[in-house]
Amino acid sequence: MTSIKKFARIWIWLLFALALGCPWSVFAQVNKGSIIQSVTLTKEGEEVILEIRGLLNAEDLDKIRIRQKPNSNKVTLSLPASLIDPEGMPTALLTFAPEMPVENIKVIENLVEESEEDVSFNLDLVVEGKIALKPEILKPVSETLVRIKLEDYEKAMEAAKEKSGPASEQNRRRQERFTKERLKELEAQKQAAAQTMQKDVRELVSNYKKPAVLQISILNGTGYTQRAYQLSVFLGNLQKTNIEEMVGSKLDIVNISNSPSQRPIDTTIYYRENYLKSALLLAQLIDGEQRVVPMLDQNERIGVDVEIYLGKDYK
């Protein structure tokens, strides 16, 4: 379970890291979840190993949930609090060499709203094998790698039966019955949650499309007449090329003016919908501390995408 505020903060840092060309480690420092950068298959002798690499939370991924019907060619690995790196894994369907026992792996990102304030998110890897495969998570799980051994299901069960004897065979059958019942319960819970709300994580990312032109207004509430003009020169001349390259938009300062006295004293950057990434970048370039908040009324300030209010705290 992850609060909406925490989830939004994760994506703010994610988008900001992408805008500045920062490494994923910046994102990892503020997020307790995992970023999956690659999923590959390797052979170690006769064993086939599924390797999951990225910036990982070892504690979470030590609890990967495996869902599989007995002797089924399809198995689902559910990774809690995990998202994919879209640059490292641009496709949701992974295919492998013909000699590998895996036909393909489907990557599914899940975001389910549990209540008005809480959501849960996880990543499912649906492994479709050419034969039935039995996964085994190899310990330990590190902060960069998870290794999962994929065995022939029938051979693995026969080996376990020979090793354990008649008593363990009864336990195995009992466990299979329990697994079937548990799968039915989980499916019912999943359908109930889907009726509440389920969105693909990429819908959130789509709210941050790159605009063609970034229009900025600078309001001066410092009490010093030249402060807004000096900032416009800094952003519009000295940093213009840098800003345009980072946000992928043309920069246009459309207004420089004094602010009414009733405005708040703190320096604040107001941004229109889809311009959060641009506002965060400007906050990094401007000296001092600023609040970054959305415009309350998106119909106001027509022709302005980001408004920078310089308060009395601006030096």
C-alpha atoms as a PDB file:
ATOM      1  CA  MET A   1       0.000   0.000   0.000  1.00  0.00           C
ATOM      2  CA  THR A   2       1.420   3.337  -1.020  1.00  0.00           C
ATOM      3  CA  SER A   3      -0.241   6.703  -0.410  1.00  0.00           C
ATOM      4  CA  ILE A   4      -1.222   8.871  -3.388  1.00  0.00           C
ATOM      5  CA  LYS A   5       1.036  11.617  -2.073  1.00  0.00           C
ATOM      6  CA  LYS A   6       3.980   9.239  -2.008  1.00  0.00           C
ATOM      7  CA  PHE A   7       3.127   7.887  -5.468  1.00  0.00           C
ATOM      8  CA  ALA A   8       2.853  11.406  -6.904  1.00  0.00           C
ATOM      9  CA  ARG A   9       6.185  12.300  -5.297  1.00  0.00           C
ATOM     10  CA  ILE A  10       7.751   9.242  -6.926  1.00  0.00           C
ATOM     11  CA  TRP A  11       6.645  10.390 -10.368  1.00  0.00           C
ATOM     12  CA  ILE A  12       7.713  13.992  -9.735  1.00  0.00           C
ATOM     13  CA  TRP A  13      11.236  12.771  -9.003  1.00  0.00           C
ATOM     14  CA  LEU A  14      11.098  10.320 -11.884  1.00  0.00           C
ATOM     15  CA  LEU A  15      10.101  13.001 -14.395  1.00  0.00           C
ATOM     16  CA  PHE A  16      12.557  15.489 -12.938  1.00  0.00           C
ATOM     17  CA  ALA A  17      15.390  12.964 -13.236  1.00  0.00           C
ATOM     18  CA  LEU A  18      14.485  12.340 -16.862  1.00  0.00           C
ATOM     19  CA  ALA A  19      14.289  16.097 -17.611  1.00  0.00           C
ATOM     20  CA  LEU A  20      17.736  16.771 -16.184  1.00  0.00           C
ATOM     21  CA  GLY A  21      19.317  13.639 -17.587  1.00  0.00           C
ATOM     22  CA  CYS A  22      20.018  12.458 -14.026  1.00  0.00           C
ATOM     23  CA  PRO A  23      20.830   8.810 -13.274  1.00  0.00           C
ATOM     24  CA  TRP A  24      18.070   6.608 -11.902  1.00  0.00           C
ATOM     25  CA  SER A  25      19.930   6.602  -8.566  1.00  0.00           C
ATOM     26  CA  VAL A  26      18.510  10.074  -7.872  1.00  0.00           C
ATOM     27  CA  PHE A  27      15.057   8.533  -8.061  1.00  0.00           C
ATOM     28  CA  ALA A  28      16.087   5.511  -6.008  1.00  0.00           C
ATOM     29  CA  GLN A  29      17.252   7.690  -3.113  1.00  0.00           C
ATOM     30  CA  VAL A  30      13.751   9.050  -2.514  1.00  0.00           C
ATOM     31  CA  ASN A  31      11.738   5.952  -3.353  1.00  0.00           C
ATOM     32  CA  LYS A  32      11.474   2.738  -1.348  1.00  0.00           C
ATOM     33  CA  GLY A  33      10.260   0.793  -4.400  1.00  0.00           C
ATOM     34  CA  SER A  34      12.162  -0.735  -7.310  1.00  0.00           C
ATOM     35  CA  ILE A  35      12.933   0.357 -10.884  1.00  0.00           C
ATOM     36  CA  ILE A  36      13.282  -2.591 -13.288  1.00  0.00           C
ATOM     37  CA  GLN A  37      15.737  -1.811 -16.093  1.00  0.00           C
ATOM     38  CA  SER A  38      16.066  -5.204 -17.811  1.00  0.00           C
ATOM     39  CA  VAL A  39      14.688  -8.760 -17.792  1.00  0.00           C
ATOM     40  CA  THR A  40      16.886 -11.375 -19.494  1.00  0.00           C
ATOM     41  CA  LEU A  41      17.387 -15.149 -19.720  1.00  0.00           C
ATOM     42  CA  THR A  42      20.767 -16.847 -19.355  1.00  0.00           C
ATOM     43  CA  LYS A  43      21.946 -20.445 -19.297  1.00  0.00           C
ATOM     44  CA  GLU A  44      24.260 -21.778 -16.603  1.00  0.00           C
ATOM     45  CA  GLY A  45      25.021 -25.310 -17.687  1.00  0.00           C
ATOM     46  CA  GLU A  46      21.640 -27.059 -17.903  1.00  0.00           C
ATOM     47  CA  GLU A  47      19.913 -24.444 -15.748  1.00  0.00           C
ATOM     48  CA  VAL A  48      17.953 -21.506 -17.172  1.00  0.00           C
ATOM     49  CA  ILE A  49      18.106 -18.337 -15.059  1.00  0.00           C
ATOM     50  CA  LEU A  50      15.740 -15.379 -15.326  1.00  0.00           C
ATOM     51  CA  GLU A  51      17.665 -12.225 -14.335  1.00  0.00           C
ATOM     52  CA  ILE A  52      15.877  -9.054 -13.236  1.00  0.00           C
ATOM     53  CA  ARG A  53      18.202  -6.048 -13.046  1.00  0.00           C
ATOM     54  CA  GLY A  54      17.704  -2.467 -11.915  1.00  0.00           C
ATOM     55  CA  LEU A  55      17.610  -0.267  -8.822  1.00  0.00           C
ATOM     56  CA  LEU A  56      15.945  -2.702  -6.463  1.00  0.00           C
ATOM     57  CA  ASN A  57      14.530  -2.762  -2.973  1.00  0.00           C
ATOM     58  CA  ALA A  58      15.879  -6.132  -1.855  1.00  0.00           C
ATOM     59  CA  GLU A  59      13.476  -6.346   1.090  1.00  0.00           C
ATOM     60  CA  ASP A  60      10.422  -6.001  -1.176  1.00  0.00           C
ATOM     61  CA  LEU A  61      11.685  -8.276  -3.945  1.00  0.00           C
ATOM     62  CA  ASP A  62      12.564 -10.960  -1.414  1.00  0.00           C
ATOM     63  CA  LYS A  63       8.762 -11.341  -1.252  1.00  0.00           C
ATOM     64  CA  ILE A  64       8.029 -11.854  -4.955  1.00  0.00           C
ATOM     65  CA  ARG A  65       4.707 -13.662  -5.248  1.00  0.00           C
ATOM     66  CA  ILE A  66       4.481 -16.592  -7.677  1.00  0.00           C
ATOM     67  CA  ARG A  67       1.084 -17.461  -9.189  1.00  0.00           C
ATOM     68  CA  GLN A  68       0.807 -20.639 -11.231  1.00  0.00           C
ATOM     69  CA  LYS A  69      -1.773 -23.318 -11.785  1.00  0.00           C
ATOM     70  CA  PRO A  70      -0.360 -26.855 -11.424  1.00  0.00           C
ATOM     71  CA  ASN A  71       1.584 -27.972 -14.500  1.00  0.00           C
ATOM     72  CA  SER A  72       0.637 -24.787 -16.385  1.00  0.00           C
ATOM     73  CA  ASN A  73       2.834 -23.268 -19.088  1.00  0.00           C
ATOM     74  CA  LYS A  74       2.017 -19.804 -17.747  1.00  0.00           C
ATOM     75  CA  VAL A  75       3.374 -18.412 -14.475  1.00  0.00           C
ATOM     76  CA  THR A  76       3.021 -14.891 -13.067  1.00  0.00           C
ATOM     77  CA  LEU A  77       5.765 -13.262 -10.992  1.00  0.00           C
ATOM     78  CA  SER A  78       4.301 -10.337  -9.034  1.00  0.00           C
ATOM     79  CA  LEU A  79       6.929  -7.747  -7.979  1.00  0.00           C
ATOM     80  CA  PRO A  80       5.640  -5.448  -5.207  1.00  0.00           C
ATOM     81  CA  ALA A  81       6.135  -1.640  -5.398  1.00  0.00           C
ATOM     82  CA  SER A  82       7.945  -1.893  -8.746  1.00  0.00           C
ATOM     83  CA  LEU A  83       7.922   0.129 -11.975  1.00  0.00           C
ATOM     84  CA  ILE A  84       9.778  -0.289 -15.258  1.00  0.00           C
ATOM     85  CA  ASP A  85      12.407   2.017 -16.712  1.00  0.00           C
ATOM     86  CA  PRO A  86      10.789   2.918 -20.071  1.00  0.00           C
ATOM     87  CA  GLU A  87      14.216   3.597 -21.622  1.00  0.00           C
ATOM     88  CA  GLY A  88      15.651   0.234 -20.605  1.00  0.00           C
ATOM     89  CA  MET A  89      12.431  -1.694 -21.351  1.00  0.00           C
ATOM     90  CA  PRO A  90      10.534   0.196 -24.070  1.00  0.00           C
ATOM     91  CA  THR A  91       8.330  -2.798 -24.973  1.00  0.00           C
ATOM     92  CA  ALA A  92       5.810  -4.704 -22.851  1.00  0.00           C
ATOM     93  CA  LEU A  93       6.405  -8.037 -24.644  1.00  0.00           C
ATOM     94  CA  LEU A  94       9.825  -9.679 -24.334  1.00  0.00           C
ATOM     95  CA  THR A  95      10.887 -12.515 -26.648  1.00  0.00           C
ATOM     96  CA  PHE A  96      13.912 -14.795 -26.444  1.00  0.00           C
ATOM     97  CA  ALA A  97      16.200 -17.035 -28.473  1.00  0.00           C
ATOM     98  CA  PRO A  98      14.667 -20.265 -29.901  1.00  0.00           C
ATOM     99  CA  GLU A  99      16.819 -22.471 -27.658  1.00  0.00           C
ATOM    100  CA  MET A 100      15.316 -20.955 -24.518  1.00  0.00           C
ATOM    101  CA  PRO A 101      12.322 -22.732 -22.896  1.00  0.00           C
ATOM    102  CA  VAL A 102      10.430 -19.419 -22.594  1.00  0.00           C
ATOM    103  CA  GLU A 103       8.176 -18.274 -25.440  1.00  0.00           C
ATOM    104  CA  ASN A 104       7.748 -14.726 -24.159  1.00  0.00           C
ATOM    105  CA  ILE A 105       7.310 -12.557 -21.061  1.00  0.00           C
ATOM    106  CA  LYS A 106       4.519 -10.002 -20.861  1.00  0.00           C
ATOM    107  CA  VAL A 107       5.171  -6.974 -18.633  1.00  0.00           C
ATOM    108  CA  ILE A 108       2.070  -5.560 -16.891  1.00  0.00           C
ATOM    109  CA  GLU A 109       2.149  -2.464 -14.662  1.00  0.00           C
ATOM    110  CA  ASN A 110      -0.748  -2.269 -12.201  1.00  0.00           C
ATOM    111  CA  LEU A 111      -2.088   0.737 -10.311  1.00  0.00           C
ATOM    112  CA  VAL A 112      -5.191   0.051  -8.188  1.00  0.00           C
ATOM    113  CA  GLU A 113      -6.960   2.701  -6.114  1.00  0.00           C
ATOM    114  CA  GLU A 114      -7.838   1.112  -2.784  1.00  0.00           C
ATOM    115  CA  SER A 115      -9.535   4.226  -1.344  1.00  0.00           C
ATOM    116  CA  GLU A 116      -9.714   7.977  -1.937  1.00  0.00           C
ATOM    117  CA  GLU A 117      -6.270   8.397  -0.399  1.00  0.00           C
ATOM    118  CA  ASP A 118      -4.428   5.155  -1.038  1.00  0.00           C
ATOM    119  CA  VAL A 119      -3.313   3.176  -4.058  1.00  0.00           C
ATOM    120  CA  SER A 120      -1.205   0.066  -4.509  1.00  0.00           C
ATOM    121  CA  PHE A 121       1.094  -0.529  -7.468  1.00  0.00           C
ATOM    122  CA  ASN A 122       3.060  -3.541  -8.606  1.00  0.00           C
ATOM    123  CA  LEU A 123       4.634  -5.115 -11.680  1.00  0.00           C
ATOM    124  CA  ASP A 124       3.572  -8.497 -13.084  1.00  0.00           C
ATOM    125  CA  LEU A 125       5.885 -10.574 -15.288  1.00  0.00           C
ATOM    126  CA  VAL A 126       3.712 -13.156 -17.050  1.00  0.00           C
ATOM    127  CA  VAL A 127       6.091 -15.897 -18.216  1.00  0.00           C
ATOM    128  CA  GLU A 128       4.744 -18.127 -20.999  1.00  0.00           C
ATOM    129  CA  GLY A 129       6.901 -21.200 -21.412  1.00  0.00           C
ATOM    130  CA  LYS A 130       7.224 -23.668 -24.247  1.00  0.00           C
ATOM    131  CA  ILE A 131       6.866 -26.245 -21.473  1.00  0.00           C
ATOM    132  CA  ALA A 132       5.555 -25.991 -17.920  1.00  0.00           C
ATOM    133  CA  LEU A 133       8.208 -24.289 -15.788  1.00  0.00           C
ATOM    134  CA  LYS A 134       8.659 -24.193 -12.034  1.00  0.00           C
ATOM    135  CA  PRO A 135      10.288 -20.948 -10.800  1.00  0.00           C
ATOM    136  CA  GLU A 136      12.579 -20.790  -7.779  1.00  0.00           C
ATOM    137  CA  ILE A 137      13.890 -17.474  -6.429  1.00  0.00           C
ATOM    138  CA  LEU A 138      17.621 -17.770  -5.736  1.00  0.00           C
ATOM    139  CA  LYS A 139      18.878 -16.111  -2.571  1.00  0.00           C
ATOM    140  CA  PRO A 140      20.168 -13.628  -1.732  1.00  0.00           C
ATOM    141  CA  VAL A 141      18.338 -10.846  -3.561  1.00  0.00           C
ATOM    142  CA  SER A 142      20.609  -7.815  -4.039  1.00  0.00           C
ATOM    143  CA  GLU A 143      19.952  -4.124  -4.700  1.00  0.00           C
ATOM    144  CA  THR A 144      20.753  -4.612  -8.394  1.00  0.00           C
ATOM    145  CA  LEU A 145      19.834  -8.219  -9.276  1.00  0.00           C
ATOM    146  CA  VAL A 146      17.155 -10.865  -8.711  1.00  0.00           C
ATOM    147  CA  ARG A 147      17.859 -14.369 -10.066  1.00  0.00           C
ATOM    148  CA  ILE A 148      15.037 -16.867 -10.615  1.00  0.00           C
ATOM    149  CA  LYS A 149      15.747 -20.437 -11.685  1.00  0.00           C
ATOM    150  CA  LEU A 150      13.264 -21.895 -14.194  1.00  0.00           C
ATOM    151  CA  GLU A 151      13.046 -25.696 -14.028  1.00  0.00           C
ATOM    152  CA  ASP A 152      11.056 -28.222 -16.025  1.00  0.00           C
ATOM    153  CA  TYR A 153       7.897 -28.512 -13.901  1.00  0.00           C
ATOM    154  CA  GLU A 154       7.406 -32.270 -14.247  1.00  0.00           C
ATOM    155  CA  LYS A 155      11.068 -33.107 -13.614  1.00  0.00           C
ATOM    156  CA  ALA A 156      11.172 -30.812 -10.590  1.00  0.00           C
ATOM    157  CA  MET A 157       8.034 -32.385  -9.089  1.00  0.00           C
ATOM    158  CA  GLU A 158       9.319 -35.928  -9.707  1.00  0.00           C
ATOM    159  CA  ALA A 159      12.635 -35.060  -8.059  1.00  0.00           C
ATOM    160  CA  ALA A 160      10.821 -33.572  -5.077  1.00  0.00           C
ATOM    161  CA  LYS A 161       8.599 -36.660  -4.815  1.00  0.00           C
ATOM    162  CA  GLU A 162      11.575 -39.050  -4.813  1.00  0.00           C
ATOM    163  CA  LYS A 163      13.355 -36.931  -2.240  1.00  0.00           C
ATOM    164  CA  SER A 164      10.429 -36.476   0.124  1.00  0.00           C
ATOM    165  CA  GLY A 165       8.678 -39.857   0.086  1.00  0.00           C
ATOM    166  CA  PRO A 166       4.969 -40.782   0.580  1.00  0.00           C
ATOM    167  CA  ALA A 167       4.280 -38.413   3.495  1.00  0.00           C
ATOM    168  CA  SER A 168       5.509 -35.401   1.593  1.00  0.00           C
ATOM    169  CA  GLU A 169       3.494 -36.478  -1.467  1.00  0.00           C
ATOM    170  CA  GLN A 170       0.335 -36.155   0.633  1.00  0.00           C
ATOM    171  CA  ASN A 171       1.482 -32.726   1.756  1.00  0.00           C
ATOM    172  CA  ARG A 172       2.121 -31.760  -1.854  1.00  0.00           C
ATOM    173  CA  ARG A 173      -1.420 -32.755  -2.888  1.00  0.00           C
ATOM    174  CA  ARG A 174      -2.825 -30.866   0.073  1.00  0.00           C
ATOM    175  CA  GLN A 175      -0.764 -27.827  -0.910  1.00  0.00           C
ATOM    176  CA  GLU A 176      -1.994 -28.045  -4.508  1.00  0.00           C
ATOM    177  CA  ARG A 177      -5.610 -28.057  -3.301  1.00  0.00           C
ATOM    178  CA  PHE A 178      -4.864 -25.060  -1.081  1.00  0.00           C
ATOM    179  CA  THR A 179      -3.168 -23.273  -3.986  1.00  0.00           C
ATOM    180  CA  LYS A 180      -6.208 -23.774  -6.239  1.00  0.00           C
ATOM    181  CA  GLU A 181      -8.517 -22.360  -3.559  1.00  0.00           C
ATOM    182  CA  ARG A 182      -6.167 -19.450  -2.917  1.00  0.00           C
ATOM    183  CA  LEU A 183      -5.977 -18.676  -6.647  1.00  0.00           C
ATOM    184  CA  LYS A 184      -9.771 -18.465  -6.783  1.00  0.00           C
ATOM    185  CA  GLU A 185      -9.758 -16.052  -3.815  1.00  0.00           C
ATOM    186  CA  LEU A 186      -7.056 -13.877  -5.386  1.00  0.00           C
ATOM    187  CA  GLU A 187      -8.902 -13.753  -8.702  1.00  0.00           C
ATOM    188  CA  ALA A 188     -12.097 -12.666  -6.933  1.00  0.00           C
ATOM    189  CA  GLN A 189     -10.190  -9.959  -5.034  1.00  0.00           C
ATOM    190  CA  LYS A 190      -8.547  -8.749  -8.241  1.00  0.00           C
ATOM    191  CA  GLN A 191     -11.891  -8.474 -10.042  1.00  0.00           C
ATOM    192  CA  ALA A 192     -13.399  -6.559  -7.105  1.00  0.00           C
ATOM    193  CA  ALA A 193     -10.471  -4.124  -7.046  1.00  0.00           C
ATOM    194  CA  ALA A 194     -10.700  -3.636 -10.812  1.00  0.00           C
ATOM    195  CA  GLN A 195     -14.319  -2.546 -10.427  1.00  0.00           C
ATOM    196  CA  THR A 196     -13.146   0.245  -8.135  1.00  0.00           C
ATOM    197  CA  MET A 197     -10.450   1.597 -10.478  1.00  0.00           C
ATOM    198  CA  GLN A 198      -7.447   0.370 -12.371  1.00  0.00           C
ATOM    199  CA  LYS A 199      -5.168   2.559 -14.439  1.00  0.00           C
ATOM    200  CA  ASP A 200      -2.024   1.816 -16.355  1.00  0.00           C
ATOM    201  CA  VAL A 201       0.975   3.691 -14.962  1.00  0.00           C
ATOM    202  CA  ARG A 202       1.615   5.083 -18.440  1.00  0.00           C
ATOM    203  CA  GLU A 203      -1.633   7.075 -18.160  1.00  0.00           C
ATOM    204  CA  LEU A 204       0.045   9.082 -15.416  1.00  0.00           C
ATOM    205  CA  VAL A 205       3.111   9.690 -17.546  1.00  0.00           C
ATOM    206  CA  SER A 206       0.935  10.795 -20.477  1.00  0.00           C
ATOM    207  CA  ASN A 207      -0.246  13.777 -18.394  1.00  0.00           C
ATOM    208  CA  TYR A 208       3.247  15.248 -18.768  1.00  0.00           C
ATOM    209  CA  LYS A 209       3.446  15.651 -22.558  1.00  0.00           C
ATOM    210  CA  LYS A 210       6.078  17.995 -23.929  1.00  0.00           C
ATOM    211  CA  PRO A 211       4.597  21.359 -25.026  1.00  0.00           C
ATOM    212  CA  ALA A 212       5.843  23.156 -28.165  1.00  0.00           C
ATOM    213  CA  VAL A 213       6.341  26.527 -26.415  1.00  0.00           C
ATOM    214  CA  LEU A 214       6.977  27.287 -22.750  1.00  0.00           C
ATOM    215  CA  GLN A 215       5.433  30.696 -21.941  1.00  0.00           C
ATOM    216  CA  ILE A 216       6.669  32.259 -18.703  1.00  0.00           C
ATOM    217  CA  SER A 217       5.377  35.245 -16.733  1.00  0.00           C
ATOM    218  CA  ILE A 218       7.533  36.866 -14.016  1.00  0.00           C
ATOM    219  CA  LEU A 219       5.820  38.880 -11.271  1.00  0.00           C
ATOM    220  CA  ASN A 220       7.914  41.059  -8.982  1.00  0.00           C
ATOM    221  CA  GLY A 221       6.819  41.239  -5.355  1.00  0.00           C
ATOM    222  CA  THR A 222      10.247  41.822  -3.829  1.00  0.00           C
ATOM    223  CA  GLY A 223       9.964  45.598  -3.526  1.00  0.00           C
ATOM    224  CA  TYR A 224      13.043  46.049  -5.767  1.00  0.00           C
ATOM    225  CA  THR A 225      12.186  47.179  -9.285  1.00  0.00           C
ATOM    226  CA  GLN A 226      14.987  45.403 -11.165  1.00  0.00           C
ATOM    227  CA  ARG A 227      14.644  41.897  -9.671  1.00  0.00           C
ATOM    228  CA  ALA A 228      12.132  40.554 -12.217  1.00  0.00           C
ATOM    229  CA  TYR A 229      14.040  42.097 -15.139  1.00  0.00           C
ATOM    230  CA  GLN A 230      17.321  40.573 -13.933  1.00  0.00           C
ATOM    231  CA  LEU A 231      15.690  37.147 -13.657  1.00  0.00           C
ATOM    232  CA  SER A 232      14.227  37.501 -17.170  1.00  0.00           C
ATOM    233  CA  VAL A 233      17.707  38.220 -18.549  1.00  0.00           C
ATOM    234  CA  PHE A 234      19.116  35.222 -16.663  1.00  0.00           C
ATOM    235  CA  LEU A 235      16.435  32.816 -17.920  1.00  0.00           C
ATOM    236  CA  GLY A 236      15.733  34.339 -21.343  1.00  0.00           C
ATOM    237  CA  ASN A 237      19.338  34.967 -22.392  1.00  0.00           C
ATOM    238  CA  LEU A 238      21.950  33.201 -20.261  1.00  0.00           C
ATOM    239  CA  GLN A 239      19.999  29.975 -19.660  1.00  0.00           C
ATOM    240  CA  LYS A 240      17.652  29.968 -22.660  1.00  0.00           C
ATOM    241  CA  THR A 241      19.452  27.326 -24.720  1.00  0.00           C
ATOM    242  CA  ASN A 242      19.982  25.129 -21.667  1.00  0.00           C
ATOM    243  CA  ILE A 243      16.295  25.323 -20.685  1.00  0.00           C
ATOM    244  CA  GLU A 244      15.034  24.641 -24.207  1.00  0.00           C
ATOM    245  CA  GLU A 245      17.231  21.563 -24.552  1.00  0.00           C
ATOM    246  CA  MET A 246      16.121  20.154 -21.200  1.00  0.00           C
ATOM    247  CA  VAL A 247      12.358  20.696 -21.555  1.00  0.00           C
ATOM    248  CA  GLY A 248      12.251  20.170 -25.330  1.00  0.00           C
ATOM    249  CA  SER A 249      10.277  23.396 -25.910  1.00  0.00           C
ATOM    250  CA  LYS A 250      10.901  26.934 -27.091  1.00  0.00           C
ATOM    251  CA  LEU A 251      11.185  29.473 -24.236  1.00  0.00           C
ATOM    252  CA  ASP A 252       9.111  32.676 -24.402  1.00  0.00           C
ATOM    253  CA  ILE A 253       8.966  35.199 -21.525  1.00  0.00           C
ATOM    254  CA  VAL A 254       5.609  36.851 -22.212  1.00  0.00           C
ATOM    255  CA  ASN A 255       5.283  39.138 -19.180  1.00  0.00           C
ATOM    256  CA  ILE A 256       7.411  41.035 -16.636  1.00  0.00           C
ATOM    257  CA  SER A 257       5.465  43.139 -14.157  1.00  0.00           C
ATOM    258  CA  ASN A 258       5.059  44.202 -10.540  1.00  0.00           C
ATOM    259  CA  SER A 259       2.809  42.097  -8.319  1.00  0.00           C
ATOM    260  CA  PRO A 260      -0.134  43.376  -6.255  1.00  0.00           C
ATOM    261  CA  SER A 261       0.744  43.868  -2.606  1.00  0.00           C
ATOM    262  CA  GLN A 262      -1.780  41.274  -1.416  1.00  0.00           C
ATOM    263  CA  ARG A 263       0.182  38.392  -2.941  1.00  0.00           C
ATOM    264  CA  PRO A 264       1.964  35.984  -0.529  1.00  0.00           C
ATOM    265  CA  ILE A 265       5.512  36.826   0.548  1.00  0.00           C
ATOM    266  CA  ASP A 266       7.066  33.469  -0.399  1.00  0.00           C
ATOM    267  CA  THR A 267       8.581  32.958  -3.838  1.00  0.00           C
ATOM    268  CA  THR A 268       6.246  30.596  -5.692  1.00  0.00           C
ATOM    269  CA  ILE A 269       6.216  28.929  -9.111  1.00  0.00           C
ATOM    270  CA  TYR A 270       2.721  28.250 -10.450  1.00  0.00           C
ATOM    271  CA  TYR A 271       2.402  25.775 -13.320  1.00  0.00           C
ATOM    272  CA  ARG A 272      -0.371  24.788 -15.695  1.00  0.00           C
ATOM    273  CA  GLU A 273      -1.326  21.150 -16.252  1.00  0.00           C
ATOM    274  CA  ASN A 274       1.390  19.248 -18.210  1.00  0.00           C
ATOM    275  CA  TYR A 275       4.089  21.777 -17.178  1.00  0.00           C
ATOM    276  CA  LEU A 276       5.217  20.276 -13.860  1.00  0.00           C
ATOM    277  CA  LYS A 277       8.550  19.125 -15.318  1.00  0.00           C
ATOM    278  CA  SER A 278       9.292  22.639 -16.617  1.00  0.00           C
ATOM    279  CA  ALA A 279       8.405  24.198 -13.257  1.00  0.00           C
ATOM    280  CA  LEU A 280      10.743  21.832 -11.407  1.00  0.00           C
ATOM    281  CA  LEU A 281      13.596  22.682 -13.769  1.00  0.00           C
ATOM    282  CA  LEU A 282      13.092  26.432 -13.260  1.00  0.00           C
ATOM    283  CA  ALA A 283      13.052  25.901  -9.496  1.00  0.00           C
ATOM    284  CA  GLN A 284      16.519  24.360  -9.752  1.00  0.00           C
ATOM    285  CA  LEU A 285      17.883  27.301 -11.744  1.00  0.00           C
ATOM    286  CA  ILE A 286      16.462  30.098  -9.569  1.00  0.00           C
ATOM    287  CA  ASP A 287      18.416  30.992  -6.416  1.00  0.00           C
ATOM    288  CA  GLY A 288      16.884  30.314  -3.021  1.00  0.00           C
ATOM    289  CA  GLU A 289      13.871  28.201  -2.114  1.00  0.00           C
ATOM    290  CA  GLN A 290      10.558  28.240  -3.957  1.00  0.00           C
ATOM    291  CA  ARG A 291       7.207  26.574  -3.638  1.00  0.00           C
ATOM    292  CA  VAL A 292       6.051  24.737  -6.768  1.00  0.00           C
ATOM    293  CA  VAL A 293       2.260  24.487  -6.942  1.00  0.00           C
ATOM    294  CA  PRO A 294      -0.346  23.981  -9.704  1.00  0.00           C
ATOM    295  CA  MET A 295      -2.555  26.843 -10.846  1.00  0.00           C
ATOM    296  CA  LEU A 296      -5.823  26.499  -8.952  1.00  0.00           C
ATOM    297  CA  ASP A 297      -7.895  27.634 -11.935  1.00  0.00           C
ATOM    298  CA  GLN A 298      -6.584  26.323 -15.249  1.00  0.00           C
ATOM    299  CA  ASN A 299      -8.787  28.853 -17.089  1.00  0.00           C
ATOM    300  CA  GLU A 300      -6.918  31.811 -15.583  1.00  0.00           C
ATOM    301  CA  ARG A 301      -3.674  33.324 -16.904  1.00  0.00           C
ATOM    302  CA  ILE A 302      -4.475  32.409 -20.517  1.00  0.00           C
ATOM    303  CA  GLY A 303      -1.267  32.446 -22.553  1.00  0.00           C
ATOM    304  CA  VAL A 304       0.918  31.700 -19.507  1.00  0.00           C
ATOM    305  CA  ASP A 305       2.192  28.179 -18.818  1.00  0.00           C
ATOM    306  CA  VAL A 306       4.439  28.908 -15.818  1.00  0.00           C
ATOM    307  CA  GLU A 307       4.161  31.971 -13.575  1.00  0.00           C
ATOM    308  CA  ILE A 308       7.112  32.874 -11.347  1.00  0.00           C
ATOM    309  CA  TYR A 309       6.177  35.083  -8.397  1.00  0.00           C
ATOM    310  CA  LEU A 310       9.215  36.631  -6.682  1.00  0.00           C
ATOM    311  CA  GLY A 311       8.309  37.162  -3.038  1.00  0.00           C
ATOM    312  CA  LYS A 312      10.011  39.226  -0.375  1.00  0.00           C
ATOM    313  CA  ASP A 313      12.171  36.199   0.489  1.00  0.00           C
ATOM    314  CA  TYR A 314      13.817  36.301  -2.975  1.00  0.00           C
ATOM    315  CA  LYS A 315      17.422  37.562  -2.861  1.00  0.00           C
END
